[in-house]
Amino acid sequence: MRLRRSFQSATLRAIEWKQILLLIPLVLVPVITWKYVLWRERQKDLPVVERAKRDQVRMHRYLVMLSQNRLGIAIGKPLPSLFPPETEIYGSIPGRQQKRPLLLWSPSLYEGCPTWEPKNWHVWKQVLGACPDLHLVGVHVTNMRDAQAVRRNLRQLIDRLKHPRVGFALIANDEWWVDAGTMSKNPFDADQAILVDNNRIVRYVIWLKPCLPSEEEGKQIADWCRTLTEGR
């Protein structure tokens, strides 16, 4: 009698587990199907979102170019004096009397940014190697609160790079920092590079990847530099 009850109890448990196992697909299949439908809908919307972002970037850059043109930064025109009196120089920046082509570059700089590590500068080193007359001038605008940390990082970067044709212009100015993007005071746009020839004429303007340029961008800049040299 006791044996029969034990057998019946085991049979009931087995039936319960079978029922649970049968219910699992019934629950999971609709959930997985719904998630798949949502994923497909997001994939359909993705190109629209990407196009909207690209259009927004293009519009921003177009407005920046218009503002810079009003300030005198325009292809084919002499580069105006852009730096306020309080600009701090790190490394080497040639004066106007020195006939050197310049690349003014406004990188995105933040704590932990790969720009601070010289080992990540291989593309710039290739560009400078291909263009022996080119001088790379990084331009960074910061607020007064963060200025001390930026100064320390720039000193370390220049000391570790040890390159005679790399310099940085630091503008620690709250008004310029707040003005970023409006161009009423600050004429530099994030990740933009402006190539000027040895007579300080603006020749090319390009936006680079944040922090550091890609291999393709580096090759493009090197080609432009060679064009400047050949056109002397």
Protein backbone atom coordinates (compact mmCIF):
# COMPACT_ATOMS: atom_id res chain seq x y z
CA MET A 1 0.00 0.00 0.00
CA ARG A 2 2.81 2.34 0.95
CA LEU A 3 4.68 1.33 -2.21
CA ARG A 4 1.64 2.13 -4.36
CA ARG A 5 1.30 5.61 -2.81
CA SER A 6 5.01 6.32 -3.41
CA PHE A 7 4.63 5.22 -7.04
CA GLN A 8 1.55 7.43 -7.50
CA SER A 9 3.34 10.40 -5.95
CA ALA A 10 6.35 9.95 -8.26
CA THR A 11 4.02 9.64 -11.24
CA LEU A 12 2.22 12.89 -10.31
CA ARG A 13 5.55 14.71 -9.96
CA ALA A 14 6.66 13.44 -13.35
CA ILE A 15 3.37 14.62 -14.88
CA GLU A 16 3.79 18.05 -13.24
CA TRP A 17 7.34 18.43 -14.64
CA LYS A 18 6.14 17.42 -18.11
CA GLN A 19 3.41 20.04 -17.91
CA ILE A 20 5.93 22.68 -16.81
CA LEU A 21 8.28 21.74 -19.65
CA LEU A 22 5.40 22.02 -22.10
CA LEU A 23 4.48 25.45 -20.73
CA ILE A 24 8.01 26.87 -21.10
CA PRO A 25 7.91 27.06 -24.93
CA LEU A 26 4.41 28.48 -24.77
CA VAL A 27 5.74 31.34 -22.65
CA LEU A 28 9.12 31.87 -24.31
CA VAL A 29 8.10 31.69 -27.97
CA PRO A 30 5.78 34.75 -27.83
CA VAL A 31 8.38 36.72 -25.83
CA ILE A 32 11.19 35.90 -28.28
CA THR A 33 8.93 36.62 -31.24
CA TRP A 34 7.93 39.99 -29.81
CA LYS A 35 11.56 40.92 -29.14
CA TYR A 36 12.47 39.93 -32.69
CA VAL A 37 9.66 42.10 -34.08
CA LEU A 38 10.87 45.06 -32.00
CA TRP A 39 14.47 44.49 -33.17
CA ARG A 40 13.36 44.44 -36.83
CA GLU A 41 11.43 47.68 -36.34
CA ARG A 42 14.48 49.32 -34.80
CA GLN A 43 16.61 48.10 -37.71
CA LYS A 44 14.15 49.69 -40.15
CA ASP A 45 14.35 53.01 -38.29
CA LEU A 46 18.16 52.92 -38.00
CA PRO A 47 18.96 54.30 -41.50
CA VAL A 48 16.50 57.16 -40.90
CA VAL A 49 18.17 58.00 -37.57
CA GLU A 50 21.65 57.81 -39.11
CA ARG A 51 20.62 60.05 -41.99
CA ALA A 52 19.16 62.56 -39.54
CA LYS A 53 22.42 62.57 -37.55
CA ARG A 54 24.50 63.03 -40.71
CA ASP A 55 22.25 65.87 -41.84
CA GLN A 56 22.60 67.51 -38.44
CA VAL A 57 26.40 67.26 -38.60
CA ARG A 58 26.45 68.68 -42.15
CA MET A 59 24.24 71.59 -41.13
CA HIS A 60 26.42 72.32 -38.09
CA ARG A 61 29.57 72.33 -40.22
CA TYR A 62 27.94 74.52 -42.85
CA LEU A 63 27.00 77.09 -40.18
CA VAL A 64 30.50 76.91 -38.73
CA MET A 65 31.99 77.62 -42.18
CA LEU A 66 29.67 80.62 -42.61
CA SER A 67 30.65 81.99 -39.20
CA GLN A 68 34.33 81.40 -39.83
CA ASN A 69 34.09 83.10 -43.23
CA ARG A 70 32.70 86.18 -41.48
CA LEU A 71 35.74 86.08 -39.19
CA GLY A 72 38.06 85.89 -42.19
CA ILE A 73 38.77 82.15 -42.05
CA ALA A 74 38.09 81.21 -45.66
CA ILE A 75 39.86 79.11 -48.27
CA GLY A 76 42.11 81.28 -50.39
CA LYS A 77 42.32 84.10 -47.84
CA PRO A 78 45.09 84.96 -45.34
CA LEU A 79 44.58 83.44 -41.93
CA PRO A 80 43.65 86.25 -39.51
CA SER A 81 45.09 86.59 -36.02
CA LEU A 82 42.95 84.22 -33.98
CA PHE A 83 44.59 83.89 -30.59
CA PRO A 84 43.78 86.17 -27.62
CA PRO A 85 46.66 87.69 -25.60
CA GLU A 86 46.35 85.13 -22.79
CA THR A 87 47.11 82.19 -25.11
CA GLU A 88 49.68 79.81 -23.60
CA ILE A 89 52.16 78.03 -25.87
CA TYR A 90 53.41 74.48 -25.27
CA GLY A 91 56.06 73.03 -27.53
CA SER A 92 57.03 74.85 -30.71
CA ILE A 93 54.80 77.14 -32.77
CA PRO A 94 56.47 79.13 -35.60
CA GLY A 95 55.76 82.84 -35.87
CA ARG A 96 54.36 84.57 -38.94
CA GLN A 97 57.82 85.61 -40.08
CA GLN A 98 58.76 81.92 -40.37
CA LYS A 99 57.55 80.65 -43.72
CA ARG A 100 56.12 77.29 -42.67
CA PRO A 101 52.86 75.56 -43.59
CA LEU A 102 50.69 75.02 -40.52
CA LEU A 103 47.94 72.63 -39.63
CA LEU A 104 45.72 74.15 -36.93
CA TRP A 105 43.94 71.26 -35.23
CA SER A 106 41.27 71.48 -32.51
CA PRO A 107 41.12 67.99 -31.00
CA SER A 108 38.57 66.77 -28.50
CA LEU A 109 40.54 66.65 -25.24
CA TYR A 110 39.14 65.15 -22.06
CA GLU A 111 40.44 63.10 -19.16
CA GLY A 112 41.42 59.66 -20.47
CA CYS A 113 41.33 60.81 -24.11
CA PRO A 114 43.71 58.76 -26.36
CA THR A 115 45.27 62.05 -27.54
CA TRP A 116 47.21 62.23 -24.27
CA GLU A 117 49.15 59.05 -25.10
CA PRO A 118 52.07 59.54 -27.56
CA LYS A 119 51.80 55.88 -28.63
CA ASN A 120 48.50 56.78 -30.30
CA TRP A 121 50.10 59.49 -32.46
CA HIS A 122 51.30 57.16 -35.22
CA VAL A 123 49.08 58.79 -37.88
CA TRP A 124 50.33 62.30 -37.05
CA LYS A 125 53.91 61.04 -37.06
CA GLN A 126 53.35 59.56 -40.53
CA VAL A 127 51.90 62.88 -41.75
CA LEU A 128 54.82 64.88 -40.31
CA GLY A 129 57.27 62.38 -41.77
CA ALA A 130 55.70 62.73 -45.22
CA CYS A 131 55.61 66.55 -44.92
CA PRO A 132 58.99 67.71 -43.54
CA ASP A 133 57.98 71.40 -43.61
CA LEU A 134 54.60 71.00 -41.91
CA HIS A 135 54.11 72.22 -38.36
CA LEU A 136 51.21 70.74 -36.36
CA VAL A 137 49.57 73.19 -33.96
CA GLY A 138 46.95 71.83 -31.61
CA VAL A 139 44.45 74.40 -30.35
CA HIS A 140 42.50 73.77 -27.17
CA VAL A 141 39.99 76.02 -25.40
CA THR A 142 39.16 75.26 -21.78
CA ASN A 143 37.51 76.93 -18.82
CA MET A 144 39.47 78.30 -15.91
CA ARG A 145 38.29 75.52 -13.61
CA ASP A 146 39.95 72.78 -15.68
CA ALA A 147 42.92 74.83 -16.90
CA GLN A 148 45.45 73.54 -14.38
CA ALA A 149 44.82 69.88 -15.23
CA VAL A 150 44.99 70.62 -18.97
CA ARG A 151 48.31 72.49 -18.51
CA ARG A 152 49.78 69.51 -16.70
CA ASN A 153 48.61 67.08 -19.39
CA LEU A 154 49.93 69.27 -22.21
CA ARG A 155 53.36 69.59 -20.60
CA GLN A 156 53.57 65.82 -20.19
CA LEU A 157 52.39 65.20 -23.74
CA ILE A 158 54.92 67.60 -25.30
CA ASP A 159 57.75 66.22 -23.13
CA ARG A 160 56.92 62.66 -24.15
CA LEU A 161 56.34 63.38 -27.84
CA LYS A 162 59.68 65.18 -28.20
CA HIS A 163 58.77 66.35 -31.70
CA PRO A 164 60.24 69.67 -32.91
CA ARG A 165 57.24 70.40 -35.17
CA VAL A 166 54.40 69.85 -32.72
CA GLY A 167 53.01 72.55 -30.47
CA PHE A 168 49.82 73.41 -28.61
CA ALA A 169 48.07 76.72 -28.07
CA LEU A 170 45.99 76.66 -24.89
CA ILE A 171 43.27 79.25 -24.40
CA ALA A 172 42.00 79.20 -20.83
CA ASN A 173 39.07 81.56 -21.07
CA ASP A 174 35.58 81.03 -19.69
CA GLU A 175 33.94 83.25 -22.34
CA TRP A 176 35.64 81.40 -25.19
CA TRP A 177 34.79 78.04 -23.63
CA VAL A 178 31.08 78.89 -23.26
CA ASP A 179 31.11 80.30 -26.80
CA ALA A 180 32.22 77.01 -28.40
CA GLY A 181 30.11 76.45 -31.51
CA THR A 182 28.62 79.95 -31.78
CA MET A 183 31.78 81.60 -33.19
CA SER A 184 31.09 85.01 -31.67
CA LYS A 185 34.42 84.82 -29.79
CA ASN A 186 35.82 81.32 -30.25
CA PRO A 187 36.55 80.65 -33.96
CA PHE A 188 37.63 77.03 -33.47
CA ASP A 189 35.30 74.07 -33.90
CA ALA A 190 35.88 70.69 -32.26
CA ASP A 191 37.85 68.18 -34.35
CA GLN A 192 38.37 70.68 -37.16
CA ALA A 193 41.74 71.09 -38.91
CA ILE A 194 42.74 74.11 -41.00
CA LEU A 195 45.72 73.76 -43.33
CA VAL A 196 47.52 76.99 -44.28
CA ASP A 197 50.48 77.36 -46.62
CA ASN A 198 53.84 79.02 -45.90
CA ASN A 199 52.30 82.42 -46.67
CA ARG A 200 49.52 81.80 -44.09
CA ILE A 201 46.85 81.41 -46.80
CA VAL A 202 44.04 78.99 -45.84
CA ARG A 203 44.11 76.11 -48.33
CA TYR A 204 42.06 73.27 -46.87
CA VAL A 205 39.54 72.73 -44.07
CA ILE A 206 38.59 69.30 -42.79
CA TRP A 207 36.84 67.71 -39.80
CA LEU A 208 38.69 64.74 -38.36
CA LYS A 209 37.71 61.87 -36.12
CA PRO A 210 37.41 62.89 -32.46
CA CYS A 211 40.71 62.87 -30.54
CA LEU A 212 42.98 61.62 -33.34
CA PRO A 213 42.75 61.26 -37.15
CA SER A 214 42.17 58.00 -38.96
CA GLU A 215 44.69 56.49 -41.41
CA GLU A 216 42.60 57.71 -44.37
CA GLU A 217 42.41 61.24 -42.97
CA GLY A 218 46.16 61.26 -42.40
CA LYS A 219 46.79 60.23 -46.01
CA GLN A 220 44.46 62.98 -47.23
CA ILE A 221 46.30 65.64 -45.22
CA ALA A 222 49.69 64.35 -46.41
CA ASP A 223 48.48 64.56 -50.03
CA TRP A 224 47.34 68.16 -49.47
CA CYS A 225 50.71 69.03 -47.94
CA ARG A 226 52.54 67.62 -50.94
CA THR A 227 50.27 69.68 -53.19
CA LEU A 228 51.28 72.82 -51.28
CA THR A 229 54.96 71.95 -51.63
CA GLU A 230 54.67 71.23 -55.35
CA GLY A 231 52.75 74.46 -55.93
CA ARG A 232 55.47 76.74 -54.54
